Structures are given as C-alpha cells and as structure tokens.
N, C-alpha and C. Protein backbone atom coordinates (compact mmCIF):
# COMPACT_ATOMS: atom_id res chain seq x y z
N MET A 1 117.48 15.58 -7.10
CA MET A 1 117.71 16.29 -5.84
C MET A 1 117.99 17.73 -6.09
N ASP A 2 118.73 18.09 -7.14
CA ASP A 2 119.04 19.48 -7.42
C ASP A 2 117.72 20.23 -7.67
N ALA A 3 116.76 19.59 -8.29
CA ALA A 3 115.46 20.25 -8.61
C ALA A 3 114.50 20.17 -7.49
N GLY A 4 114.89 19.66 -6.35
CA GLY A 4 114.02 19.54 -5.18
C GLY A 4 113.13 18.35 -5.21
N ILE A 5 113.42 17.43 -6.03
CA ILE A 5 112.58 16.20 -6.11
C ILE A 5 113.18 15.13 -5.17
N ASN A 6 112.29 14.58 -4.37
CA ASN A 6 112.74 13.56 -3.38
C ASN A 6 112.61 12.16 -4.11
N ALA A 7 113.64 11.81 -4.89
CA ALA A 7 113.58 10.58 -5.64
C ALA A 7 114.41 9.50 -4.96
N GLY A 8 114.00 8.22 -5.21
CA GLY A 8 114.78 7.13 -4.63
C GLY A 8 114.61 5.91 -5.51
N VAL A 9 115.12 4.83 -4.98
CA VAL A 9 115.21 3.55 -5.71
C VAL A 9 114.70 2.44 -4.85
N LEU A 10 113.94 1.46 -5.44
CA LEU A 10 113.52 0.26 -4.81
C LEU A 10 114.36 -0.85 -5.45
N MET A 11 115.16 -1.49 -4.63
CA MET A 11 115.96 -2.64 -5.20
C MET A 11 115.12 -3.86 -4.94
N ALA A 12 114.63 -4.38 -6.08
CA ALA A 12 113.78 -5.56 -5.98
C ALA A 12 113.74 -6.32 -7.29
N PRO A 13 113.74 -7.59 -7.30
CA PRO A 13 113.99 -8.39 -6.10
C PRO A 13 115.50 -8.58 -5.81
N ILE A 14 115.80 -8.69 -4.52
CA ILE A 14 117.16 -9.10 -4.10
C ILE A 14 117.13 -10.61 -4.15
N VAL A 15 117.94 -11.25 -4.99
CA VAL A 15 117.85 -12.67 -5.14
C VAL A 15 119.04 -13.34 -4.42
N PRO A 16 118.62 -14.15 -3.41
CA PRO A 16 119.66 -14.86 -2.63
C PRO A 16 120.67 -15.56 -3.53
N GLY A 17 121.94 -15.37 -3.10
CA GLY A 17 123.04 -16.05 -3.87
C GLY A 17 123.40 -15.40 -5.09
N PHE A 18 122.62 -14.43 -5.60
CA PHE A 18 122.95 -13.69 -6.88
C PHE A 18 123.21 -12.27 -6.64
N SER A 19 122.29 -11.64 -5.90
CA SER A 19 122.43 -10.15 -5.71
C SER A 19 122.35 -9.80 -4.22
N SER A 20 122.54 -10.77 -3.35
CA SER A 20 122.44 -10.53 -1.95
C SER A 20 123.76 -10.36 -1.16
N SER A 21 124.91 -10.45 -1.88
CA SER A 21 126.20 -10.34 -1.26
C SER A 21 126.40 -8.91 -0.75
N ARG A 22 127.14 -8.75 0.30
CA ARG A 22 127.48 -7.44 0.81
C ARG A 22 128.12 -6.54 -0.22
N THR A 23 128.99 -7.07 -0.99
CA THR A 23 129.71 -6.29 -1.98
C THR A 23 128.83 -5.81 -3.07
N LYS A 24 127.91 -6.65 -3.53
CA LYS A 24 126.98 -6.22 -4.57
C LYS A 24 125.95 -5.18 -4.05
N LEU A 25 125.44 -5.42 -2.84
CA LEU A 25 124.56 -4.48 -2.28
C LEU A 25 125.21 -3.14 -2.02
N GLU A 26 126.45 -3.16 -1.51
CA GLU A 26 127.14 -1.96 -1.23
C GLU A 26 127.47 -1.12 -2.53
N ARG A 27 127.91 -1.84 -3.60
CA ARG A 27 128.18 -1.15 -4.86
C ARG A 27 126.90 -0.55 -5.37
N THR A 28 125.81 -1.26 -5.26
CA THR A 28 124.50 -0.74 -5.77
C THR A 28 124.05 0.51 -4.99
N ILE A 29 124.10 0.37 -3.60
CA ILE A 29 123.64 1.49 -2.82
C ILE A 29 124.55 2.70 -2.92
N LYS A 30 125.81 2.48 -3.06
CA LYS A 30 126.75 3.59 -3.26
C LYS A 30 126.45 4.31 -4.58
N ALA A 31 126.16 3.52 -5.65
CA ALA A 31 125.80 4.17 -6.98
C ALA A 31 124.53 4.89 -6.85
N ILE A 32 123.62 4.37 -6.13
CA ILE A 32 122.31 5.05 -5.90
C ILE A 32 122.52 6.42 -5.25
N ALA A 33 123.34 6.38 -4.19
CA ALA A 33 123.64 7.67 -3.51
C ALA A 33 124.39 8.61 -4.40
N ASP A 34 125.41 8.11 -5.11
CA ASP A 34 126.27 8.88 -6.00
C ASP A 34 125.44 9.61 -7.06
N HIS A 35 124.34 8.94 -7.46
CA HIS A 35 123.52 9.56 -8.54
C HIS A 35 122.45 10.43 -7.99
N GLY A 36 122.46 10.79 -6.67
CA GLY A 36 121.55 11.78 -6.18
C GLY A 36 120.24 11.32 -5.52
N ALA A 37 120.02 10.00 -5.40
CA ALA A 37 118.78 9.53 -4.78
C ALA A 37 118.80 9.98 -3.34
N ARG A 38 117.61 10.08 -2.80
CA ARG A 38 117.50 10.49 -1.39
C ARG A 38 117.07 9.25 -0.53
N PHE A 39 116.56 8.23 -1.11
CA PHE A 39 116.16 7.11 -0.28
C PHE A 39 116.32 5.83 -1.13
N VAL A 40 116.37 4.74 -0.39
CA VAL A 40 116.42 3.37 -1.06
C VAL A 40 115.64 2.38 -0.18
N GLY A 41 114.97 1.52 -0.86
CA GLY A 41 114.27 0.47 -0.18
C GLY A 41 114.63 -0.89 -0.87
N CYS A 42 114.23 -1.97 -0.23
CA CYS A 42 114.58 -3.28 -0.79
C CYS A 42 113.44 -4.29 -0.51
N ASN A 43 113.35 -5.28 -1.40
CA ASN A 43 112.49 -6.45 -1.20
C ASN A 43 113.31 -7.64 -1.57
N VAL A 44 113.31 -8.70 -0.70
CA VAL A 44 113.94 -9.92 -1.09
C VAL A 44 112.93 -10.70 -1.93
N MET A 45 113.41 -11.41 -2.85
CA MET A 45 112.55 -12.15 -3.78
C MET A 45 111.67 -13.13 -3.07
N TYR A 46 110.42 -13.18 -3.58
CA TYR A 46 109.49 -14.22 -3.06
C TYR A 46 109.06 -14.96 -4.35
N LEU A 47 108.64 -16.21 -4.15
CA LEU A 47 108.30 -17.02 -5.26
C LEU A 47 106.84 -17.61 -5.04
N GLN A 48 106.01 -17.39 -6.02
CA GLN A 48 104.62 -17.82 -5.92
C GLN A 48 104.28 -18.65 -7.06
N ASP A 49 103.55 -19.76 -6.84
CA ASP A 49 102.95 -20.61 -7.83
C ASP A 49 103.85 -20.87 -9.07
N GLY A 50 103.38 -20.44 -10.25
CA GLY A 50 104.08 -20.77 -11.47
C GLY A 50 105.51 -20.18 -11.51
N THR A 51 105.63 -18.96 -10.90
CA THR A 51 106.97 -18.38 -10.85
C THR A 51 107.92 -19.23 -10.11
N ARG A 52 107.49 -19.82 -8.99
CA ARG A 52 108.35 -20.66 -8.21
C ARG A 52 108.79 -21.91 -9.05
N ALA A 53 107.86 -22.59 -9.70
CA ALA A 53 108.17 -23.76 -10.50
C ALA A 53 109.13 -23.39 -11.59
N HIS A 54 108.90 -22.30 -12.30
CA HIS A 54 109.81 -21.80 -13.37
C HIS A 54 111.22 -21.56 -12.78
N PHE A 55 111.25 -20.76 -11.71
CA PHE A 55 112.57 -20.40 -11.12
C PHE A 55 113.32 -21.64 -10.69
N MET A 56 112.65 -22.57 -10.03
CA MET A 56 113.36 -23.74 -9.48
C MET A 56 113.87 -24.63 -10.67
N LYS A 57 113.17 -24.72 -11.70
CA LYS A 57 113.62 -25.44 -12.91
C LYS A 57 114.88 -24.80 -13.46
N PHE A 58 114.89 -23.48 -13.50
CA PHE A 58 116.04 -22.79 -13.93
C PHE A 58 117.25 -23.06 -13.03
N ILE A 59 117.07 -23.02 -11.74
CA ILE A 59 118.17 -23.18 -10.79
C ILE A 59 118.64 -24.66 -10.94
N GLU A 60 117.77 -25.58 -11.02
CA GLU A 60 118.16 -26.99 -11.12
C GLU A 60 118.96 -27.25 -12.46
N ARG A 61 118.62 -26.57 -13.47
CA ARG A 61 119.26 -26.74 -14.78
C ARG A 61 120.62 -25.99 -14.87
N GLU A 62 120.58 -24.75 -14.45
CA GLU A 62 121.72 -23.87 -14.57
C GLU A 62 122.73 -23.85 -13.39
N PHE A 63 122.19 -24.02 -12.18
CA PHE A 63 123.00 -23.91 -10.95
C PHE A 63 122.56 -25.03 -10.00
N PRO A 64 122.78 -26.32 -10.44
CA PRO A 64 122.26 -27.44 -9.65
C PRO A 64 122.79 -27.46 -8.22
N SER A 65 124.03 -27.02 -7.94
CA SER A 65 124.53 -27.03 -6.61
C SER A 65 123.77 -26.08 -5.67
N MET A 66 123.01 -25.08 -6.23
CA MET A 66 122.32 -24.14 -5.44
C MET A 66 120.87 -24.66 -5.11
N ALA A 67 120.42 -25.60 -5.84
CA ALA A 67 118.98 -26.06 -5.74
C ALA A 67 118.58 -26.45 -4.34
N PRO A 68 119.40 -27.24 -3.56
CA PRO A 68 119.01 -27.60 -2.22
C PRO A 68 118.83 -26.40 -1.29
N ARG A 69 119.65 -25.44 -1.40
CA ARG A 69 119.51 -24.19 -0.59
C ARG A 69 118.25 -23.45 -0.95
N PHE A 70 117.95 -23.35 -2.23
CA PHE A 70 116.72 -22.63 -2.68
C PHE A 70 115.51 -23.37 -2.18
N GLU A 71 115.51 -24.78 -2.32
CA GLU A 71 114.38 -25.51 -1.85
C GLU A 71 114.10 -25.24 -0.40
N LYS A 72 115.20 -25.21 0.36
CA LYS A 72 115.01 -24.99 1.81
C LYS A 72 114.57 -23.58 2.10
N LEU A 73 115.24 -22.60 1.45
CA LEU A 73 114.91 -21.11 1.72
C LEU A 73 113.51 -20.80 1.18
N TYR A 74 113.13 -21.48 0.14
CA TYR A 74 111.80 -21.13 -0.42
C TYR A 74 110.81 -22.39 -0.32
N ALA A 75 110.76 -22.90 0.92
CA ALA A 75 109.80 -23.92 1.25
C ALA A 75 108.44 -23.35 1.10
N ARG A 76 108.33 -22.00 1.33
CA ARG A 76 107.01 -21.32 1.28
C ARG A 76 107.28 -20.16 0.25
N LYS A 77 106.21 -19.38 0.18
CA LYS A 77 106.27 -18.22 -0.78
C LYS A 77 107.38 -17.28 -0.51
N TYR A 78 107.59 -16.90 0.76
CA TYR A 78 108.63 -16.04 1.20
C TYR A 78 109.79 -16.81 1.91
N PRO A 79 110.98 -16.26 1.82
CA PRO A 79 112.02 -16.88 2.60
C PRO A 79 111.74 -16.59 4.09
N PRO A 80 112.37 -17.30 4.98
CA PRO A 80 112.13 -17.09 6.42
C PRO A 80 112.36 -15.68 6.84
N ASP A 81 111.58 -15.17 7.81
CA ASP A 81 111.72 -13.84 8.33
C ASP A 81 113.12 -13.52 8.73
N ALA A 82 113.82 -14.51 9.32
CA ALA A 82 115.23 -14.23 9.78
C ALA A 82 116.12 -13.93 8.62
N TYR A 83 116.01 -14.56 7.47
CA TYR A 83 116.77 -14.21 6.35
C TYR A 83 116.42 -12.85 5.79
N ARG A 84 115.15 -12.55 5.65
CA ARG A 84 114.73 -11.21 5.16
C ARG A 84 115.25 -10.12 6.02
N LYS A 85 115.25 -10.31 7.38
CA LYS A 85 115.68 -9.36 8.28
C LYS A 85 117.19 -9.14 8.18
N GLU A 86 117.97 -10.23 7.93
CA GLU A 86 119.37 -10.11 7.73
C GLU A 86 119.68 -9.22 6.51
N VAL A 87 118.98 -9.46 5.42
CA VAL A 87 119.19 -8.62 4.17
C VAL A 87 118.81 -7.20 4.53
N GLN A 88 117.68 -7.01 5.09
CA GLN A 88 117.12 -5.62 5.45
C GLN A 88 118.08 -4.87 6.37
N GLY A 89 118.68 -5.65 7.32
CA GLY A 89 119.66 -5.06 8.28
C GLY A 89 120.89 -4.62 7.59
N MET A 90 121.39 -5.37 6.64
CA MET A 90 122.49 -5.03 5.88
C MET A 90 122.25 -3.74 5.07
N VAL A 91 121.04 -3.71 4.42
CA VAL A 91 120.72 -2.52 3.66
C VAL A 91 120.61 -1.26 4.51
N GLN A 92 120.08 -1.41 5.74
CA GLN A 92 119.93 -0.31 6.69
C GLN A 92 121.31 0.22 7.06
N VAL A 93 122.30 -0.61 7.26
CA VAL A 93 123.63 -0.17 7.56
C VAL A 93 124.20 0.61 6.36
N LEU A 94 123.99 0.07 5.15
CA LEU A 94 124.55 0.77 4.02
C LEU A 94 123.73 2.06 3.74
N GLN A 95 122.43 2.08 3.98
CA GLN A 95 121.66 3.33 3.91
C GLN A 95 122.28 4.42 4.70
N ALA A 96 122.58 4.07 5.96
CA ALA A 96 123.26 5.00 6.86
C ALA A 96 124.62 5.45 6.36
N ARG A 97 125.36 4.48 5.96
CA ARG A 97 126.74 4.76 5.48
C ARG A 97 126.73 5.76 4.28
N TYR A 98 125.76 5.68 3.41
CA TYR A 98 125.74 6.50 2.25
C TYR A 98 124.73 7.57 2.30
N GLY A 99 124.16 7.86 3.49
CA GLY A 99 123.28 8.94 3.67
C GLY A 99 121.93 8.85 3.04
N LEU A 100 121.49 7.59 2.87
CA LEU A 100 120.16 7.45 2.33
C LEU A 100 119.14 7.10 3.47
N HIS A 101 117.93 7.17 3.09
CA HIS A 101 116.81 6.84 4.08
C HIS A 101 116.07 5.67 3.52
N LYS A 102 115.16 5.17 4.39
CA LYS A 102 114.20 4.14 3.93
C LYS A 102 113.30 4.77 2.92
N ARG A 103 112.53 3.91 2.18
CA ARG A 103 111.57 4.43 1.23
C ARG A 103 110.69 5.47 1.86
N GLY A 104 110.51 6.50 1.17
CA GLY A 104 109.72 7.61 1.72
C GLY A 104 110.58 8.75 2.29
N GLY A 105 111.78 8.32 2.74
CA GLY A 105 112.90 9.22 3.13
C GLY A 105 112.47 10.17 4.27
N ALA A 106 113.43 10.45 5.13
CA ALA A 106 113.33 11.47 6.18
C ALA A 106 113.88 12.71 5.61
N SER A 107 113.93 13.77 6.40
CA SER A 107 114.42 15.05 5.95
C SER A 107 115.89 15.33 6.29
N GLU A 108 116.54 14.40 6.96
CA GLU A 108 117.98 14.72 7.30
C GLU A 108 118.86 14.64 6.11
N THR A 109 120.02 15.23 6.16
CA THR A 109 120.99 15.23 5.02
C THR A 109 121.86 13.98 5.02
N ARG A 110 122.57 13.72 4.07
CA ARG A 110 123.41 12.61 3.98
C ARG A 110 124.49 12.64 5.07
N ASP A 111 125.03 13.80 5.33
CA ASP A 111 126.08 13.93 6.35
C ASP A 111 125.65 13.62 7.78
N GLU A 112 124.28 13.68 7.99
CA GLU A 112 123.79 13.46 9.30
C GLU A 112 123.57 11.96 9.54
N ALA A 113 123.60 11.13 8.52
CA ALA A 113 123.29 9.73 8.59
C ALA A 113 124.50 8.83 8.46
N THR A 114 125.21 8.60 9.56
CA THR A 114 126.31 7.55 9.53
C THR A 114 126.32 6.83 10.82
N THR A 115 126.77 5.60 10.68
CA THR A 115 126.76 4.77 11.86
C THR A 115 128.21 4.18 12.16
N GLY A 116 129.05 4.14 11.15
CA GLY A 116 130.34 3.56 11.35
C GLY A 116 130.35 2.08 11.47
N GLN A 117 129.25 1.42 11.35
CA GLN A 117 129.15 -0.02 11.39
C GLN A 117 129.50 -0.65 10.07
N GLU A 118 130.19 -1.81 10.13
CA GLU A 118 130.48 -2.56 8.98
C GLU A 118 129.17 -3.49 8.63
N PRO A 119 128.85 -3.55 7.46
CA PRO A 119 127.70 -4.42 7.07
C PRO A 119 128.13 -5.94 7.30
N GLU A 120 127.18 -6.71 7.70
CA GLU A 120 127.45 -8.08 7.90
C GLU A 120 127.15 -8.93 6.67
N GLN A 121 127.72 -10.06 6.57
CA GLN A 121 127.49 -10.98 5.47
C GLN A 121 126.12 -11.67 5.63
N VAL A 122 125.35 -11.71 4.61
CA VAL A 122 124.07 -12.41 4.68
C VAL A 122 124.40 -13.93 4.56
N GLY A 123 123.61 -14.74 5.31
CA GLY A 123 123.87 -16.11 5.47
C GLY A 123 123.63 -17.07 4.23
N PHE A 124 123.51 -16.58 3.09
CA PHE A 124 123.29 -17.48 1.89
C PHE A 124 124.57 -17.52 1.07
N VAL A 125 125.49 -18.26 1.52
CA VAL A 125 126.85 -18.26 0.90
C VAL A 125 127.04 -19.62 0.27
N PHE A 126 127.69 -19.66 -0.84
CA PHE A 126 127.98 -20.90 -1.56
C PHE A 126 129.46 -21.16 -1.60
C-alpha cells in the first residue's frame, strides 16, 4: 500500500468446521488489514470427484463425529447457497470492520468503511 500497489488476499478455501468460525475469520481478516492489504475475498471449500472421496476418508478417519455433517453439507460439489452466503456475509461484516473491500477493491479508505455490526456465527458448529 505504501508503494501504491492495490494488493489483497483471497482466503480459500474456507473449510467448514475448521476455518469458518467467526473468531478465526476475524483474526485472519484483522491480520490481513494490519499488514496493509486493501481488499480481501473468500471462497468456501468445494469438493469434486477424487478430492471429495479423499477428503471424506480423511474426515471419517480423523474426525468421525464430523462425517455426518460433511456428508450432508457436501451432498453435491458445493455446499448449499445458504451456507456459502452465511460465510460470505460474515466476511463482508469483517471487511467493513477492518476497512477492506471485496476482491478488486473500491477506492474508499479504511476509515470510511465501518458498519458497527457484530459478525454472526456460521451455522456449522460442533
């Protein structure tokens, strides 16, 4: 930012139950802002073909209590739109709180972007 470069971060993948909690997202976004990034974006994990099979085996072996939730959340390649929107909504609140923009970034300064809203908990709780 000091050199006039509009740099940012893409947080991907956000993994439900591992990196999707409000506290983890907030710590990450605060660190991104503290290090001078101008924008932040996010993508929730999606699972396709062999990746899905490998990931589900890992979950069943290492975190068996989480397996039913992952099976439900990832019945298809992407988690349901409602879940993705919850995560994206929480990230948007935190973007505003820390003066960051969506990927690509707008021209307003950090001080101009605040909402005062508390981020909400994403519904993937164990």
